[in-house]
């Protein structure tokens, strides 16, 4: 799941893109409200991976003093061990906005385009990867 995230703003509201990694808990185009939080097992958190991409997945175990294991509910494998310093925010609330995938894309693509124009950063969607 890709989320446009500004590390300078640890709280906000985002529309999730159509990746399916957190279904059924988070559906395509759900609105997520996130804010700082402490990770606990079964929480849905936002973390930044080693490539700088922000991922929204569930904490499935605590693996050390400052590390956790994450996994998308709909993914077969875990994301591996994530250091606490990589964890950015907790998803505190989500709500479905009741729209289909085509409508979701029509909402999500302009948000990405605006973000890219404002920041100069290119967002690569999962379907665009090699």
N, C-alpha and C. Protein backbone atom coordinates (compact mmCIF):
# COMPACT_ATOMS: atom_id res chain seq x y z
N UNK A 1 0.84 -1.16 0.00
CA UNK A 1 0.00 0.00 0.00
C UNK A 1 0.89 1.23 0.00
N UNK A 2 0.67 2.12 -0.92
CA UNK A 2 1.42 3.36 -1.01
C UNK A 2 0.59 4.49 -0.43
N UNK A 3 1.19 5.29 0.40
CA UNK A 3 0.51 6.44 0.98
C UNK A 3 1.40 7.64 0.77
N UNK A 4 0.82 8.73 0.24
CA UNK A 4 1.58 9.96 0.14
C UNK A 4 1.68 10.53 1.54
N UNK A 5 2.89 10.72 2.00
CA UNK A 5 3.12 11.06 3.40
C UNK A 5 4.19 12.14 3.46
N UNK A 6 3.97 13.15 4.25
CA UNK A 6 4.95 14.20 4.46
C UNK A 6 5.57 13.97 5.83
N UNK A 7 6.86 13.62 5.91
CA UNK A 7 7.46 13.32 7.21
C UNK A 7 7.51 14.52 8.14
N UNK A 8 7.29 15.71 7.62
CA UNK A 8 7.26 16.90 8.47
C UNK A 8 5.91 17.09 9.14
N UNK A 9 4.90 16.35 8.67
CA UNK A 9 3.55 16.44 9.24
C UNK A 9 3.15 15.05 9.72
N UNK A 10 3.27 14.77 11.04
CA UNK A 10 3.02 13.41 11.53
C UNK A 10 1.55 13.05 11.70
N UNK A 11 0.64 13.88 11.20
CA UNK A 11 -0.78 13.57 11.29
C UNK A 11 -1.45 14.05 10.01
N UNK A 12 -2.58 13.46 9.69
CA UNK A 12 -3.28 13.87 8.48
C UNK A 12 -4.36 12.89 8.08
N UNK A 13 -4.89 13.11 6.89
CA UNK A 13 -5.94 12.27 6.32
C UNK A 13 -5.53 11.95 4.89
N UNK A 14 -5.59 10.66 4.52
CA UNK A 14 -5.22 10.27 3.16
C UNK A 14 -6.22 9.27 2.61
N UNK A 15 -6.32 9.24 1.29
CA UNK A 15 -7.10 8.23 0.58
C UNK A 15 -6.14 7.11 0.21
N UNK A 16 -6.47 5.87 0.57
CA UNK A 16 -5.59 4.75 0.26
C UNK A 16 -5.70 4.38 -1.22
N UNK A 17 -4.60 4.03 -1.84
CA UNK A 17 -4.63 3.63 -3.25
C UNK A 17 -5.09 2.18 -3.39
N UNK A 18 -5.44 1.78 -4.60
CA UNK A 18 -5.93 0.41 -4.81
C UNK A 18 -4.81 -0.62 -4.89
N UNK A 19 -4.28 -1.05 -3.73
CA UNK A 19 -3.25 -2.10 -3.73
C UNK A 19 -3.76 -3.40 -3.14
N UNK A 20 -4.71 -3.33 -2.21
CA UNK A 20 -5.29 -4.53 -1.62
C UNK A 20 -4.47 -5.19 -0.53
N UNK A 21 -3.32 -4.62 -0.16
CA UNK A 21 -2.45 -5.31 0.81
C UNK A 21 -3.04 -5.39 2.21
N UNK A 22 -3.97 -4.51 2.55
CA UNK A 22 -4.54 -4.52 3.90
C UNK A 22 -6.01 -4.92 3.92
N UNK A 23 -6.52 -5.44 2.78
CA UNK A 23 -7.91 -5.90 2.79
C UNK A 23 -8.03 -7.12 3.69
N UNK A 24 -9.10 -7.30 4.41
CA UNK A 24 -10.33 -6.51 4.38
C UNK A 24 -10.34 -5.33 5.36
N UNK A 25 -9.31 -5.20 6.21
CA UNK A 25 -9.33 -4.13 7.21
C UNK A 25 -9.36 -2.74 6.58
N UNK A 26 -8.56 -2.56 5.53
CA UNK A 26 -8.53 -1.30 4.80
C UNK A 26 -8.81 -1.61 3.34
N UNK A 27 -9.86 -1.01 2.83
CA UNK A 27 -10.27 -1.22 1.44
C UNK A 27 -9.67 -0.13 0.56
N UNK A 28 -9.64 -0.39 -0.74
CA UNK A 28 -9.21 0.62 -1.69
C UNK A 28 -10.02 1.89 -1.48
N UNK A 29 -9.34 3.00 -1.45
CA UNK A 29 -9.97 4.32 -1.34
C UNK A 29 -10.57 4.63 0.02
N UNK A 30 -10.21 3.87 1.05
CA UNK A 30 -10.61 4.27 2.40
C UNK A 30 -9.87 5.54 2.78
N UNK A 31 -10.50 6.33 3.62
CA UNK A 31 -9.83 7.50 4.19
C UNK A 31 -9.16 7.06 5.48
N UNK A 32 -7.88 7.37 5.64
CA UNK A 32 -7.14 7.03 6.85
C UNK A 32 -6.83 8.32 7.60
N UNK A 33 -7.08 8.31 8.88
CA UNK A 33 -6.69 9.42 9.74
C UNK A 33 -5.54 8.90 10.59
N UNK A 34 -4.38 9.55 10.47
CA UNK A 34 -3.22 9.07 11.18
C UNK A 34 -2.62 10.16 12.06
N UNK A 35 -1.95 9.73 13.12
CA UNK A 35 -1.31 10.64 14.06
C UNK A 35 -0.24 9.85 14.79
N UNK A 36 0.66 10.53 15.49
CA UNK A 36 1.69 9.80 16.23
C UNK A 36 1.07 8.78 17.19
N UNK A 37 1.77 7.69 17.38
CA UNK A 37 1.29 6.66 18.29
C UNK A 37 2.41 5.70 18.62
N UNK A 38 2.23 4.92 19.65
CA UNK A 38 3.21 3.91 20.05
C UNK A 38 2.77 2.56 19.51
N UNK A 39 3.69 1.83 18.86
CA UNK A 39 3.30 0.55 18.26
C UNK A 39 2.99 -0.52 19.30
N UNK A 40 1.88 -1.19 19.08
CA UNK A 40 1.49 -2.37 19.85
C UNK A 40 1.07 -3.44 18.86
N UNK A 41 1.16 -4.69 19.27
CA UNK A 41 0.76 -5.78 18.39
C UNK A 41 -0.69 -5.58 17.99
N UNK A 42 -0.96 -5.76 16.70
CA UNK A 42 -2.26 -5.64 16.05
C UNK A 42 -2.61 -4.20 15.65
N UNK A 43 -1.78 -3.22 15.99
CA UNK A 43 -2.01 -1.84 15.53
C UNK A 43 -1.66 -1.72 14.06
N UNK A 44 -2.34 -0.83 13.37
CA UNK A 44 -2.00 -0.50 11.99
C UNK A 44 -1.19 0.79 12.05
N UNK A 45 0.03 0.71 11.54
CA UNK A 45 0.98 1.81 11.64
C UNK A 45 1.51 2.18 10.25
N UNK A 46 2.06 3.38 10.17
CA UNK A 46 2.75 3.82 8.95
C UNK A 46 4.24 3.80 9.27
N UNK A 47 5.02 3.14 8.39
CA UNK A 47 6.47 3.17 8.57
C UNK A 47 7.13 3.46 7.23
N UNK A 48 8.35 3.94 7.29
CA UNK A 48 9.09 4.25 6.08
C UNK A 48 10.11 3.15 5.85
N UNK A 49 10.03 2.51 4.66
CA UNK A 49 10.94 1.40 4.38
C UNK A 49 12.31 1.93 3.95
N UNK A 50 13.23 1.03 3.67
CA UNK A 50 14.60 1.43 3.33
C UNK A 50 14.70 2.19 2.01
N UNK A 51 13.66 2.10 1.17
CA UNK A 51 13.62 2.85 -0.09
C UNK A 51 12.95 4.21 0.07
N UNK A 52 12.51 4.53 1.29
CA UNK A 52 11.86 5.80 1.53
C UNK A 52 10.35 5.77 1.32
N UNK A 53 9.82 4.62 0.90
CA UNK A 53 8.38 4.50 0.68
C UNK A 53 7.67 4.30 2.02
N UNK A 54 6.54 4.97 2.18
CA UNK A 54 5.76 4.80 3.41
C UNK A 54 4.76 3.68 3.20
N UNK A 55 4.74 2.75 4.14
CA UNK A 55 3.90 1.56 4.09
C UNK A 55 2.91 1.61 5.25
N UNK A 56 1.68 1.20 4.99
CA UNK A 56 0.67 1.09 6.04
C UNK A 56 0.35 -0.39 6.21
N UNK A 57 0.86 -0.97 7.29
CA UNK A 57 0.64 -2.39 7.58
C UNK A 57 0.46 -2.60 9.07
N UNK A 58 0.13 -3.81 9.44
CA UNK A 58 -0.17 -4.16 10.83
C UNK A 58 1.09 -4.68 11.55
N UNK A 59 1.22 -4.31 12.83
CA UNK A 59 2.28 -4.85 13.68
C UNK A 59 1.86 -6.26 14.08
N UNK A 60 2.72 -7.24 13.76
CA UNK A 60 2.35 -8.62 14.10
C UNK A 60 3.19 -9.18 15.24
N UNK A 61 4.35 -8.55 15.53
CA UNK A 61 5.14 -8.98 16.70
C UNK A 61 6.17 -7.93 17.07
N UNK A 62 6.56 -7.98 18.32
CA UNK A 62 7.67 -7.15 18.80
C UNK A 62 8.88 -8.07 18.78
N UNK A 63 9.95 -7.66 18.09
CA UNK A 63 11.09 -8.57 17.87
C UNK A 63 12.32 -8.18 18.67
N UNK A 64 12.27 -7.09 19.39
CA UNK A 64 13.41 -6.64 20.18
C UNK A 64 13.02 -5.39 20.94
N UNK A 65 13.98 -4.80 21.61
CA UNK A 65 13.69 -3.59 22.38
C UNK A 65 13.11 -2.48 21.52
N UNK A 66 13.63 -2.33 20.30
CA UNK A 66 13.20 -1.22 19.44
C UNK A 66 12.85 -1.69 18.03
N UNK A 67 12.36 -2.90 17.89
CA UNK A 67 12.04 -3.40 16.55
C UNK A 67 10.74 -4.21 16.56
N UNK A 68 10.10 -4.20 15.39
CA UNK A 68 8.79 -4.83 15.24
C UNK A 68 8.73 -5.52 13.89
N UNK A 69 7.84 -6.51 13.80
CA UNK A 69 7.57 -7.16 12.53
C UNK A 69 6.21 -6.70 12.03
N UNK A 70 6.14 -6.34 10.74
CA UNK A 70 4.92 -5.85 10.12
C UNK A 70 4.49 -6.78 9.00
N UNK A 71 3.18 -6.74 8.69
CA UNK A 71 2.66 -7.54 7.57
C UNK A 71 1.35 -6.92 7.09
N UNK A 72 1.17 -6.89 5.79
CA UNK A 72 -0.12 -6.54 5.22
C UNK A 72 -1.09 -7.68 5.47
N UNK A 73 -2.30 -7.40 5.90
CA UNK A 73 -3.27 -8.45 6.22
C UNK A 73 -3.50 -9.40 5.06
N UNK A 74 -3.41 -8.91 3.83
CA UNK A 74 -3.70 -9.70 2.66
C UNK A 74 -2.43 -10.19 1.96
N UNK A 75 -1.27 -9.98 2.57
CA UNK A 75 0.00 -10.43 2.00
C UNK A 75 0.40 -11.77 2.59
N UNK A 76 1.01 -12.64 1.81
CA UNK A 76 1.40 -13.95 2.34
C UNK A 76 2.59 -13.88 3.29
N UNK A 77 3.49 -12.91 3.11
CA UNK A 77 4.70 -12.84 3.91
C UNK A 77 4.77 -11.54 4.70
N UNK A 78 5.57 -11.57 5.76
CA UNK A 78 5.76 -10.35 6.55
C UNK A 78 6.70 -9.40 5.80
N UNK A 79 6.71 -8.17 6.27
CA UNK A 79 7.60 -7.15 5.68
C UNK A 79 9.01 -7.27 6.24
N UNK A 80 9.18 -8.09 7.25
CA UNK A 80 10.47 -8.21 7.91
C UNK A 80 10.52 -7.35 9.16
N UNK A 81 11.71 -7.15 9.67
CA UNK A 81 11.92 -6.42 10.92
C UNK A 81 12.04 -4.93 10.61
N UNK A 82 11.27 -4.13 11.34
CA UNK A 82 11.26 -2.67 11.16
C UNK A 82 11.72 -2.04 12.48
N UNK A 83 12.71 -1.19 12.37
CA UNK A 83 13.22 -0.48 13.54
C UNK A 83 12.22 0.60 13.96
N UNK A 84 12.13 0.82 15.26
CA UNK A 84 11.19 1.81 15.79
C UNK A 84 11.40 3.20 15.18
N UNK A 85 12.63 3.52 14.81
CA UNK A 85 12.92 4.83 14.21
C UNK A 85 12.26 5.00 12.84
N UNK A 86 11.89 3.89 12.18
CA UNK A 86 11.24 3.94 10.88
C UNK A 86 9.73 4.17 11.00
N UNK A 87 9.17 3.95 12.18
CA UNK A 87 7.73 4.06 12.39
C UNK A 87 7.36 5.53 12.50
N UNK A 88 6.39 5.96 11.68
CA UNK A 88 6.05 7.37 11.58
C UNK A 88 4.76 7.75 12.30
N UNK A 89 3.71 6.97 12.11
CA UNK A 89 2.40 7.32 12.68
C UNK A 89 1.54 6.07 12.83
N UNK A 90 0.50 6.22 13.61
CA UNK A 90 -0.49 5.16 13.79
C UNK A 90 -1.77 5.56 13.08
N UNK A 91 -2.40 4.58 12.43
CA UNK A 91 -3.70 4.83 11.82
C UNK A 91 -4.72 4.73 12.95
N UNK A 92 -5.35 5.86 13.26
CA UNK A 92 -6.29 5.91 14.37
C UNK A 92 -7.73 5.66 13.95
N UNK A 93 -8.03 5.90 12.68
CA UNK A 93 -9.40 5.74 12.22
C UNK A 93 -9.39 5.56 10.72
N UNK A 94 -10.29 4.76 10.23
CA UNK A 94 -10.46 4.65 8.78
C UNK A 94 -11.94 4.57 8.47
N UNK A 95 -12.30 5.09 7.33
CA UNK A 95 -13.68 5.00 6.90
C UNK A 95 -13.72 4.79 5.40
N UNK A 96 -14.61 3.93 4.96
CA UNK A 96 -14.79 3.73 3.53
C UNK A 96 -15.55 4.90 2.94
N UNK A 97 -15.18 5.28 1.74
CA UNK A 97 -15.90 6.38 1.10
C UNK A 97 -16.86 5.86 0.03
N UNK A 98 -16.94 4.53 -0.07
CA UNK A 98 -17.98 3.91 -0.89
C UNK A 98 -17.91 4.19 -2.37
N UNK A 99 -16.70 4.18 -2.91
CA UNK A 99 -16.58 4.40 -4.35
C UNK A 99 -15.84 3.24 -4.99
N UNK A 100 -16.04 3.06 -6.25
CA UNK A 100 -15.40 1.96 -6.97
C UNK A 100 -13.98 2.28 -7.37
N UNK A 101 -13.29 1.27 -7.91
CA UNK A 101 -11.88 1.42 -8.27
C UNK A 101 -11.65 2.51 -9.32
N UNK A 102 -12.53 2.59 -10.33
CA UNK A 102 -12.34 3.62 -11.36
C UNK A 102 -12.44 5.02 -10.76
N UNK A 103 -13.39 5.21 -9.84
CA UNK A 103 -13.53 6.50 -9.19
C UNK A 103 -12.34 6.74 -8.28
N UNK A 104 -11.88 5.70 -7.60
CA UNK A 104 -10.72 5.81 -6.73
C UNK A 104 -9.52 6.31 -7.53
N UNK A 105 -9.28 5.69 -8.67
CA UNK A 105 -8.16 6.11 -9.50
C UNK A 105 -8.30 7.56 -9.94
N UNK A 106 -9.53 7.97 -10.26
CA UNK A 106 -9.72 9.34 -10.71
C UNK A 106 -9.48 10.34 -9.59
N UNK A 107 -9.62 9.90 -8.33
CA UNK A 107 -9.30 10.76 -7.19
C UNK A 107 -7.81 10.68 -6.87
N UNK A 108 -7.26 9.47 -6.90
CA UNK A 108 -5.89 9.25 -6.43
C UNK A 108 -4.84 9.82 -7.39
N UNK A 109 -5.04 9.64 -8.69
CA UNK A 109 -4.05 10.12 -9.67
C UNK A 109 -3.82 11.63 -9.59
N UNK A 110 -4.87 12.47 -9.47
CA UNK A 110 -4.62 13.91 -9.34
C UNK A 110 -3.88 14.28 -8.05
N UNK A 111 -4.10 13.52 -6.98
CA UNK A 111 -3.39 13.78 -5.73
C UNK A 111 -1.90 13.51 -5.93
N UNK A 112 -1.58 12.40 -6.58
CA UNK A 112 -0.18 12.07 -6.86
C UNK A 112 0.44 13.14 -7.75
N UNK A 113 -0.28 13.52 -8.79
CA UNK A 113 0.23 14.53 -9.72
C UNK A 113 0.53 15.85 -9.01
N UNK A 114 -0.39 16.28 -8.15
CA UNK A 114 -0.19 17.52 -7.41
C UNK A 114 1.01 17.40 -6.48
N UNK A 115 1.14 16.26 -5.79
CA UNK A 115 2.27 16.03 -4.89
C UNK A 115 3.58 16.09 -5.67
N UNK A 116 3.62 15.44 -6.83
CA UNK A 116 4.84 15.41 -7.63
C UNK A 116 5.22 16.81 -8.10
N UNK A 117 4.23 17.59 -8.50
CA UNK A 117 4.51 18.96 -8.95
C UNK A 117 5.00 19.84 -7.81
N UNK A 118 4.40 19.69 -6.64
CA UNK A 118 4.78 20.51 -5.49
C UNK A 118 6.16 20.16 -4.93
N UNK A 119 6.49 18.87 -4.93
CA UNK A 119 7.72 18.44 -4.28
C UNK A 119 8.85 18.13 -5.24
N UNK A 120 8.53 17.87 -6.50
CA UNK A 120 9.55 17.44 -7.45
C UNK A 120 9.91 15.96 -7.31
N UNK A 121 9.20 15.25 -6.42
CA UNK A 121 9.44 13.82 -6.20
C UNK A 121 8.50 13.00 -7.07
N UNK A 122 9.00 11.91 -7.64
CA UNK A 122 8.19 11.01 -8.47
C UNK A 122 7.67 9.87 -7.62
N UNK A 123 6.37 9.65 -7.65
CA UNK A 123 5.73 8.53 -6.97
C UNK A 123 5.60 7.39 -7.98
N UNK A 124 6.12 6.23 -7.64
CA UNK A 124 5.99 5.07 -8.52
C UNK A 124 4.97 4.13 -7.90
N UNK A 125 3.86 3.94 -8.58
CA UNK A 125 2.82 3.06 -8.09
C UNK A 125 3.23 1.61 -8.28
N UNK A 126 2.67 0.71 -7.45
CA UNK A 126 3.04 -0.71 -7.55
C UNK A 126 2.89 -1.27 -8.97
N UNK A 127 1.85 -0.89 -9.69
CA UNK A 127 1.64 -1.44 -11.03
C UNK A 127 2.64 -0.87 -12.05
N UNK A 128 3.37 0.18 -11.68
CA UNK A 128 4.36 0.80 -12.58
C UNK A 128 5.77 0.26 -12.36
N UNK A 129 5.94 -0.57 -11.35
CA UNK A 129 7.28 -1.10 -11.03
C UNK A 129 7.65 -2.23 -11.96
N UNK A 130 8.97 -2.42 -12.13
CA UNK A 130 9.47 -3.52 -12.97
C UNK A 130 9.27 -4.85 -12.29
